[in-house]
């Protein structure tokens, strides 16, 4: 009886626990308008791979967007390269 109880407890924990970050390495889970999505992380000093899309996650600014060779925050405000690369 004790083994069955432990087995049920184990299965319950397995079913109802989060297995960690759902995003691959180099991506960050971000909640935008109630939806969780994985965005590629912006890495200071490196050119982003724009084949991944135009939206990236920045540690300080959160969601940033690359348009027409410029970076913008979620509110559409222009960000300088200097601002982005400051840690």
N, C-alpha and C. Protein backbone atom coordinates (compact mmCIF):
# COMPACT_ATOMS: atom_id res chain seq x y z
N UNK A 1 0.82 -1.19 0.00
CA UNK A 1 0.00 0.00 0.00
C UNK A 1 0.87 1.26 0.00
N UNK A 2 1.96 1.24 0.76
CA UNK A 2 2.85 2.39 0.84
C UNK A 2 3.51 2.66 -0.52
N UNK A 3 3.88 1.60 -1.23
CA UNK A 3 4.50 1.76 -2.55
C UNK A 3 3.53 2.39 -3.54
N UNK A 4 2.27 2.00 -3.48
CA UNK A 4 1.26 2.56 -4.39
C UNK A 4 1.05 4.03 -4.09
N UNK A 5 1.00 4.39 -2.81
CA UNK A 5 0.82 5.80 -2.42
C UNK A 5 2.00 6.64 -2.91
N UNK A 6 3.20 6.13 -2.76
CA UNK A 6 4.38 6.85 -3.23
C UNK A 6 4.37 6.99 -4.75
N UNK A 7 3.91 5.95 -5.43
CA UNK A 7 3.85 6.00 -6.88
C UNK A 7 2.85 7.06 -7.34
N UNK A 8 1.69 7.13 -6.69
CA UNK A 8 0.70 8.15 -7.03
C UNK A 8 1.23 9.55 -6.74
N UNK A 9 1.91 9.71 -5.64
CA UNK A 9 2.50 11.00 -5.30
C UNK A 9 3.53 11.41 -6.35
N UNK A 10 4.36 10.47 -6.76
CA UNK A 10 5.37 10.74 -7.78
C UNK A 10 4.71 11.14 -9.10
N UNK A 11 3.69 10.40 -9.52
CA UNK A 11 2.99 10.72 -10.78
C UNK A 11 2.29 12.07 -10.70
N UNK A 12 1.70 12.38 -9.55
CA UNK A 12 1.05 13.68 -9.37
C UNK A 12 2.06 14.80 -9.52
N UNK A 13 3.20 14.67 -8.87
CA UNK A 13 4.25 15.69 -8.95
C UNK A 13 4.79 15.80 -10.37
N UNK A 14 4.93 14.70 -11.04
CA UNK A 14 5.44 14.70 -12.40
C UNK A 14 4.49 15.41 -13.36
N UNK A 15 3.20 15.19 -13.17
CA UNK A 15 2.21 15.78 -14.05
C UNK A 15 2.01 17.28 -13.83
N UNK A 16 2.17 17.73 -12.61
CA UNK A 16 1.82 19.11 -12.28
C UNK A 16 3.01 19.99 -11.93
N UNK A 17 4.18 19.63 -12.37
CA UNK A 17 5.33 20.50 -12.16
C UNK A 17 5.84 20.97 -13.51
N UNK A 18 6.37 22.17 -13.51
CA UNK A 18 6.95 22.72 -14.72
C UNK A 18 8.33 22.13 -14.91
N UNK A 19 8.62 21.70 -16.10
CA UNK A 19 9.90 21.05 -16.37
C UNK A 19 10.99 22.06 -16.70
N UNK A 20 10.84 23.29 -16.30
CA UNK A 20 11.86 24.30 -16.55
C UNK A 20 11.45 25.23 -17.67
N UNK A 21 12.43 25.92 -18.18
CA UNK A 21 12.21 26.91 -19.23
C UNK A 21 11.81 26.20 -20.53
N UNK A 22 10.68 26.58 -21.12
CA UNK A 22 10.24 25.92 -22.35
C UNK A 22 11.00 26.39 -23.59
N UNK A 23 11.83 27.41 -23.43
CA UNK A 23 12.56 27.95 -24.58
C UNK A 23 13.92 27.28 -24.73
N UNK A 24 14.39 27.22 -25.96
CA UNK A 24 15.72 26.70 -26.24
C UNK A 24 16.78 27.67 -25.72
N UNK A 25 18.01 27.21 -25.64
CA UNK A 25 19.11 28.05 -25.21
C UNK A 25 19.26 29.22 -26.19
N UNK A 26 19.47 30.41 -25.64
CA UNK A 26 19.59 31.61 -26.47
C UNK A 26 18.27 32.31 -26.70
N UNK A 27 17.21 31.77 -26.11
CA UNK A 27 15.89 32.36 -26.21
C UNK A 27 15.37 32.66 -24.82
N UNK A 28 14.46 33.61 -24.71
CA UNK A 28 13.89 34.00 -23.43
C UNK A 28 12.37 33.98 -23.53
N UNK A 29 11.70 33.39 -22.54
CA UNK A 29 10.24 33.37 -22.52
C UNK A 29 9.74 34.74 -22.09
N UNK A 30 8.86 35.33 -22.89
CA UNK A 30 8.33 36.66 -22.64
C UNK A 30 6.81 36.60 -22.76
N UNK A 31 6.11 37.27 -21.86
CA UNK A 31 4.66 37.33 -21.91
C UNK A 31 4.27 38.64 -22.58
N UNK A 32 3.65 38.54 -23.74
CA UNK A 32 3.21 39.72 -24.49
C UNK A 32 1.70 39.60 -24.69
N UNK A 33 0.98 40.56 -24.14
CA UNK A 33 -0.48 40.58 -24.24
C UNK A 33 -1.11 39.25 -23.79
N UNK A 34 -0.58 38.68 -22.71
CA UNK A 34 -1.13 37.46 -22.16
C UNK A 34 -0.69 36.18 -22.84
N UNK A 35 0.21 36.29 -23.82
CA UNK A 35 0.68 35.09 -24.53
C UNK A 35 2.17 34.92 -24.28
N UNK A 36 2.58 33.72 -23.85
CA UNK A 36 3.99 33.42 -23.64
C UNK A 36 4.62 32.99 -24.96
N UNK A 37 5.70 33.70 -25.34
CA UNK A 37 6.43 33.34 -26.55
C UNK A 37 7.92 33.32 -26.23
N UNK A 38 8.68 32.62 -27.04
CA UNK A 38 10.13 32.56 -26.89
C UNK A 38 10.77 33.49 -27.92
N UNK A 39 11.53 34.46 -27.43
CA UNK A 39 12.22 35.40 -28.31
C UNK A 39 13.72 35.16 -28.24
N UNK A 40 14.42 35.34 -29.38
CA UNK A 40 15.88 35.24 -29.32
C UNK A 40 16.42 36.38 -28.45
N UNK A 41 17.47 36.09 -27.69
CA UNK A 41 18.06 37.09 -26.81
C UNK A 41 19.00 38.00 -27.62
N UNK A 42 18.94 39.30 -27.33
CA UNK A 42 19.87 40.25 -27.91
C UNK A 42 21.18 40.14 -27.14
N UNK A 43 22.27 39.92 -27.85
CA UNK A 43 23.57 39.81 -27.21
C UNK A 43 24.40 41.04 -27.55
N UNK A 44 24.85 41.75 -26.52
CA UNK A 44 25.63 42.97 -26.71
C UNK A 44 26.90 42.68 -27.50
N UNK A 45 27.18 43.56 -28.45
CA UNK A 45 28.40 43.46 -29.22
C UNK A 45 28.35 42.45 -30.36
N UNK A 46 27.24 41.78 -30.53
CA UNK A 46 27.10 40.81 -31.62
C UNK A 46 26.00 41.25 -32.56
N UNK A 47 26.21 41.02 -33.85
CA UNK A 47 25.17 41.31 -34.81
C UNK A 47 24.08 40.25 -34.67
N UNK A 48 22.83 40.67 -34.55
CA UNK A 48 21.77 39.68 -34.40
C UNK A 48 21.50 38.95 -35.71
N UNK A 49 21.04 37.73 -35.59
CA UNK A 49 20.66 36.95 -36.75
C UNK A 49 19.23 37.34 -37.12
N UNK A 50 19.08 38.22 -38.11
CA UNK A 50 17.75 38.73 -38.46
C UNK A 50 16.90 37.68 -39.16
N UNK A 51 17.50 36.53 -39.47
CA UNK A 51 16.70 35.44 -40.02
C UNK A 51 15.77 34.87 -38.96
N UNK A 52 16.07 35.16 -37.69
CA UNK A 52 15.23 34.70 -36.58
C UNK A 52 14.00 35.59 -36.41
N UNK A 53 13.96 36.69 -37.12
CA UNK A 53 12.86 37.64 -37.01
C UNK A 53 13.38 39.00 -36.61
N UNK A 54 12.48 39.92 -36.36
CA UNK A 54 12.87 41.28 -36.03
C UNK A 54 12.67 41.61 -34.56
N UNK A 55 12.13 40.68 -33.79
CA UNK A 55 11.87 40.92 -32.38
C UNK A 55 12.85 40.11 -31.53
N UNK A 56 13.44 40.79 -30.56
CA UNK A 56 14.44 40.17 -29.68
C UNK A 56 14.13 40.55 -28.25
N UNK A 57 14.73 39.80 -27.31
CA UNK A 57 14.61 40.12 -25.90
C UNK A 57 15.91 40.76 -25.43
N UNK A 58 15.79 41.92 -24.78
CA UNK A 58 16.94 42.63 -24.22
C UNK A 58 16.79 42.62 -22.71
N UNK A 59 17.88 42.34 -22.01
CA UNK A 59 17.85 42.22 -20.55
C UNK A 59 17.28 43.46 -19.86
N UNK A 60 17.61 44.65 -20.36
CA UNK A 60 17.16 45.89 -19.73
C UNK A 60 15.83 46.38 -20.30
N UNK A 61 15.65 46.31 -21.61
CA UNK A 61 14.49 46.91 -22.27
C UNK A 61 13.35 45.93 -22.55
N UNK A 62 13.58 44.66 -22.33
CA UNK A 62 12.54 43.67 -22.64
C UNK A 62 12.46 43.46 -24.14
N UNK A 63 11.26 43.53 -24.70
CA UNK A 63 11.07 43.34 -26.13
C UNK A 63 11.64 44.52 -26.89
N UNK A 64 12.52 44.24 -27.86
CA UNK A 64 13.02 45.27 -28.76
C UNK A 64 12.80 44.79 -30.18
N UNK A 65 12.62 45.76 -31.09
CA UNK A 65 12.29 45.44 -32.48
C UNK A 65 13.29 46.12 -33.39
N UNK A 66 13.76 45.39 -34.40
CA UNK A 66 14.69 45.93 -35.40
C UNK A 66 13.90 46.27 -36.66
N UNK A 67 13.89 47.59 -37.02
CA UNK A 67 13.21 48.05 -38.22
C UNK A 67 14.09 49.07 -38.92
N UNK A 68 14.28 48.91 -40.21
CA UNK A 68 15.02 49.89 -41.02
C UNK A 68 16.37 50.25 -40.42
N UNK A 69 17.12 49.24 -39.98
CA UNK A 69 18.45 49.41 -39.37
C UNK A 69 18.44 50.20 -38.08
N UNK A 70 17.31 50.27 -37.40
CA UNK A 70 17.19 50.93 -36.11
C UNK A 70 16.53 49.98 -35.12
N UNK A 71 16.80 50.22 -33.83
CA UNK A 71 16.20 49.43 -32.76
C UNK A 71 15.17 50.28 -32.03
N UNK A 72 14.03 49.67 -31.71
CA UNK A 72 12.95 50.35 -31.01
C UNK A 72 12.51 49.49 -29.81
N UNK A 73 12.07 50.16 -28.74
CA UNK A 73 11.52 49.41 -27.61
C UNK A 73 10.05 49.09 -27.90
N UNK A 74 9.40 48.45 -26.94
CA UNK A 74 8.01 48.01 -27.12
C UNK A 74 7.07 49.18 -27.38
N UNK A 75 7.41 50.37 -26.87
CA UNK A 75 6.58 51.56 -27.04
C UNK A 75 6.88 52.31 -28.33
N UNK A 76 7.81 51.80 -29.14
CA UNK A 76 8.15 52.44 -30.40
C UNK A 76 9.20 53.53 -30.28
N UNK A 77 9.85 53.67 -29.13
CA UNK A 77 10.87 54.70 -28.94
C UNK A 77 12.20 54.19 -29.48
N UNK A 78 12.90 55.06 -30.21
CA UNK A 78 14.19 54.71 -30.81
C UNK A 78 15.24 54.48 -29.73
N UNK A 79 16.01 53.39 -29.88
CA UNK A 79 17.09 53.07 -28.94
C UNK A 79 18.42 53.16 -29.70
N UNK A 80 19.40 53.77 -29.06
CA UNK A 80 20.73 53.86 -29.67
C UNK A 80 21.50 52.57 -29.43
N UNK A 81 22.48 52.34 -30.28
CA UNK A 81 23.34 51.16 -30.10
C UNK A 81 24.07 51.24 -28.77
N UNK A 82 24.43 52.45 -28.35
CA UNK A 82 25.11 52.65 -27.08
C UNK A 82 24.22 52.21 -25.91
N UNK A 83 22.93 52.57 -25.97
CA UNK A 83 21.99 52.17 -24.91
C UNK A 83 21.86 50.64 -24.86
N UNK A 84 21.80 50.03 -26.03
CA UNK A 84 21.61 48.57 -26.09
C UNK A 84 22.81 47.81 -25.56
N UNK A 85 24.02 48.33 -25.79
CA UNK A 85 25.22 47.62 -25.41
C UNK A 85 25.67 47.87 -23.98
N UNK A 86 25.03 48.82 -23.28
CA UNK A 86 25.37 49.05 -21.88
C UNK A 86 24.84 47.91 -21.05
N UNK A 87 25.67 47.41 -20.18
CA UNK A 87 25.27 46.29 -19.31
C UNK A 87 24.89 46.81 -17.95
